[in-house]
Protein backbone atom coordinates (compact mmCIF):
# COMPACT_ATOMS: atom_id res chain seq x y z
CA MET A 1 -10.02 15.16 0.73
CA ASN A 2 -6.91 16.64 -0.99
CA ASN A 3 -3.18 16.73 -1.29
CA ASN A 4 -2.92 16.08 2.76
CA SER A 5 -5.07 12.88 2.26
CA ILE A 6 -3.81 9.27 2.29
CA LEU A 7 -5.80 6.41 1.32
CA TYR A 8 -5.13 2.97 3.21
CA PHE A 9 -6.13 -0.29 1.46
CA LEU A 10 -7.23 -2.76 4.27
CA PRO A 11 -7.90 -6.42 3.19
CA ALA A 12 -11.44 -7.51 4.71
CA LEU A 13 -9.87 -9.84 6.83
CA TYR A 14 -6.24 -10.52 8.31
CA PHE A 15 -4.52 -7.47 7.43
CA ASN A 16 -1.40 -6.48 9.40
CA GLU A 17 -2.41 -4.28 12.28
CA GLU A 18 1.19 -3.33 13.07
CA GLU A 19 2.08 -2.34 9.39
CA PHE A 20 -1.28 -0.21 9.54
CA PHE A 21 -0.80 1.53 12.76
CA ILE A 22 2.81 2.35 12.68
CA THR A 23 2.45 3.87 9.05
CA LYS A 24 -0.93 5.45 9.67
CA GLY A 25 0.28 7.09 13.11
CA PHE A 26 3.49 8.42 11.61
CA LEU A 27 1.96 9.98 8.72
CA GLU A 28 -0.73 11.50 10.79
CA LYS A 29 1.52 13.13 13.14
CA ASN A 30 3.16 14.60 10.26
CA GLY A 31 -0.07 16.23 9.11
CA TYR A 32 -1.68 13.76 6.67
CA LYS A 33 -5.44 12.62 6.90
CA SER A 34 -6.22 8.93 6.92
CA PHE A 35 -9.01 7.27 4.96
CA ILE A 36 -9.60 3.72 4.92
CA ALA A 37 -10.83 1.80 1.66
CA SER A 38 -12.09 -1.93 1.47
CA ASP A 39 -14.43 -4.06 0.00
CA ALA A 40 -15.34 -5.30 3.22
CA ARG A 41 -19.09 -5.67 3.77
CA ASN A 42 -18.91 -4.66 7.44
CA MET A 43 -15.93 -4.04 9.27
CA CYS A 44 -12.16 -4.90 8.21
CA GLU A 45 -10.64 -7.16 10.73
CA GLY A 46 -6.85 -7.51 11.63
CA THR A 47 -4.77 -10.57 12.26
CA ASN A 48 -5.18 -9.72 16.02
CA GLY A 49 -8.99 -8.94 15.95
CA LYS A 50 -8.91 -5.03 15.57
CA LYS A 51 -11.72 -3.87 13.50
CA PHE A 52 -12.13 -0.84 11.40
CA GLN A 53 -15.00 0.52 9.24
CA ALA A 54 -13.83 1.66 5.69
CA ASP A 55 -14.65 5.17 4.68
CA LEU A 56 -14.69 4.21 0.96
CA ARG A 57 -15.68 1.24 -1.03
CA LEU A 58 -13.52 0.41 -4.17
CA GLU A 59 -15.88 1.70 -6.48
CA ASN A 60 -15.91 5.13 -4.86
CA ILE A 61 -12.25 6.05 -5.02
CA ARG A 62 -10.86 8.75 -7.04
CA ALA A 63 -6.87 9.10 -7.19
CA ASN A 64 -7.23 12.84 -7.58
CA ASN A 65 -8.61 13.05 -4.01
CA PHE A 66 -5.49 11.77 -2.35
CA ALA A 67 -1.66 12.23 -2.37
CA GLY A 68 -1.03 8.53 -2.39
CA VAL A 69 -2.40 5.13 -1.62
CA ILE A 70 -0.94 2.58 0.69
CA LEU A 71 -1.78 -1.18 0.76
CA ILE A 72 -1.22 -3.03 3.92
CA GLY A 73 -0.10 -6.51 4.01
CA GLY A 74 -0.91 -9.38 6.03
CA LYS A 75 -2.33 -12.86 4.96
CA GLY A 76 -5.48 -11.57 4.09
CA ALA A 77 -3.85 -9.25 1.38
CA LYS A 78 -3.25 -12.39 -0.93
CA GLU A 79 -7.03 -12.37 -1.76
CA TYR A 80 -6.38 -9.26 -3.59
CA TRP A 81 -3.28 -10.39 -5.81
CA ASN A 82 -5.43 -10.65 -8.83
CA ASN A 83 -8.37 -8.22 -7.90
CA THR A 84 -8.93 -6.28 -11.06
CA LYS A 85 -10.94 -3.41 -9.51
CA LEU A 86 -7.91 -2.73 -6.98
CA HIS A 87 -5.65 -3.00 -10.03
CA LYS A 88 -7.72 -0.51 -11.90
CA ILE A 89 -7.41 1.94 -8.80
CA ILE A 90 -3.74 1.68 -8.26
CA ASN A 91 -3.11 2.16 -11.91
CA GLU A 92 -5.24 5.42 -11.86
CA PHE A 93 -2.90 6.66 -8.85
CA ASN A 94 0.15 5.52 -11.03
CA THR A 95 -1.38 7.36 -14.18
CA ASN A 96 -1.68 10.54 -11.79
CA LYS A 97 1.74 10.28 -10.63
CA LYS A 98 0.70 9.72 -7.12
CA ILE A 99 2.78 7.77 -4.19
CA ILE A 100 2.03 4.25 -4.12
CA GLY A 101 3.17 2.09 -1.14
CA ALA A 102 2.79 -1.44 -0.59
CA ILE A 103 4.15 -3.65 2.34
CA CYS A 104 4.75 -7.26 3.13
CA ILE A 105 2.75 -9.76 0.62
CA ALA A 106 0.79 -6.59 -0.75
CA PRO A 107 3.56 -5.68 -3.41
CA VAL A 108 2.72 -8.69 -5.28
CA ILE A 109 -0.54 -6.82 -5.91
CA LEU A 110 1.58 -4.22 -7.65
CA ALA A 111 3.31 -6.78 -9.72
CA ASN A 112 -0.03 -8.35 -10.78
CA ALA A 113 -1.38 -4.96 -11.75
CA GLY A 114 1.81 -4.28 -14.17
CA LEU A 115 3.20 -1.48 -11.67
CA LEU A 116 6.46 -2.92 -11.00
CA TYR A 117 7.64 -3.67 -14.58
CA GLY A 118 11.15 -2.71 -15.03
CA LYS A 119 11.19 -1.61 -11.45
CA ARG A 120 13.28 -2.39 -8.24
CA ALA A 121 10.80 -3.73 -5.36
CA THR A 122 11.03 -5.85 -2.20
CA CYS A 123 8.24 -7.80 -0.42
CA PHE A 124 7.76 -10.49 2.62
CA TYR A 125 10.45 -13.13 1.81
CA GLU A 126 7.99 -16.08 1.98
CA VAL A 127 6.40 -14.74 -1.28
CA LYS A 128 9.49 -13.34 -2.92
CA GLN A 129 8.92 -15.97 -5.60
CA ASP A 130 5.56 -14.36 -6.34
CA LEU A 131 7.43 -10.96 -6.99
CA SER A 132 10.52 -12.53 -8.74
CA GLN A 133 9.24 -12.30 -12.25
CA PRO A 134 11.69 -11.55 -15.28
CA PHE A 135 10.80 -7.94 -15.54
CA ILE A 136 11.06 -7.18 -11.49
CA ASN A 137 14.19 -6.20 -10.07
CA TYR A 138 13.84 -7.93 -6.70
CA MET A 139 15.86 -6.61 -4.01
CA GLU A 140 16.64 -8.17 -0.41
CA TRP A 141 16.31 -4.73 1.09
CA PRO A 142 13.79 -3.74 3.92
CA VAL A 143 12.35 -0.66 1.88
CA VAL A 144 12.84 0.14 -1.88
CA VAL A 145 11.89 3.23 -3.32
CA ASP A 146 11.54 3.31 -7.44
CA LYS A 147 10.21 6.71 -8.57
CA ASN A 148 6.73 6.91 -6.93
CA ILE A 149 6.23 3.43 -5.86
CA ILE A 150 7.60 2.36 -2.20
CA THR A 151 7.57 -1.35 -1.11
CA ALA A 152 8.62 -3.02 2.12
CA ASN A 153 9.20 -6.35 3.31
CA GLY A 154 6.93 -6.69 6.37
CA PRO A 155 6.17 -5.26 9.96
CA LYS A 156 9.73 -4.87 11.05
CA SER A 157 10.17 -2.16 8.28
CA SER A 158 6.98 -0.51 9.05
CA PHE A 159 8.83 2.62 10.64
CA GLU A 160 11.23 3.03 7.61
CA PHE A 161 8.29 2.36 5.09
CA ALA A 162 6.45 5.27 6.77
CA GLU A 163 9.41 7.55 6.78
CA SER A 164 10.01 6.68 2.98
CA ILE A 165 6.51 7.65 2.08
CA LEU A 166 6.71 10.81 4.02
CA TYR A 167 9.76 11.82 2.35
CA MET A 168 8.51 11.12 -1.08
CA LEU A 169 5.15 12.86 -0.19
CA ASN A 170 6.96 16.10 0.68
CA LYS A 171 9.09 15.66 -2.37
CA GLN A 172 6.06 15.28 -4.73
CA SER A 173 4.32 18.48 -3.16
CA ARG A 174 7.46 20.88 -3.71
């Protein structure tokens, strides 16, 4: 694993398959290797029943092994809004100035981990009240980039989200 490796965090259940496939496929076509992390005991299962085996469990993640981390949404992501293990991991990515992406309802995880303090961000419209905190500048945009953090509002923005992540990864590697 190196600077061409991207870590995807998938909820154990009900992750959004469209967000995952579009983002992963686009970044792989552009030379990035994909690794999946989860706390799933067995397979991660998407909203349409697709299953994936995680490559890493949360306790085995080291930010220095990856160029960035992407948190995939879907209704299962809500189970991780207050997950302190995941908060610690994404804070380690932030401390190491790695790219951090979150789509759909997953940006709320970033907010609850303290990563969106004083930043612009977006999320799925149905949970914007959970992101609209006094210290977060909520934007009604499909994708928002603020320094090393990229947020997107849902599956329809997946391709733009992936393009923004690629742009930031390329910018970071210069």
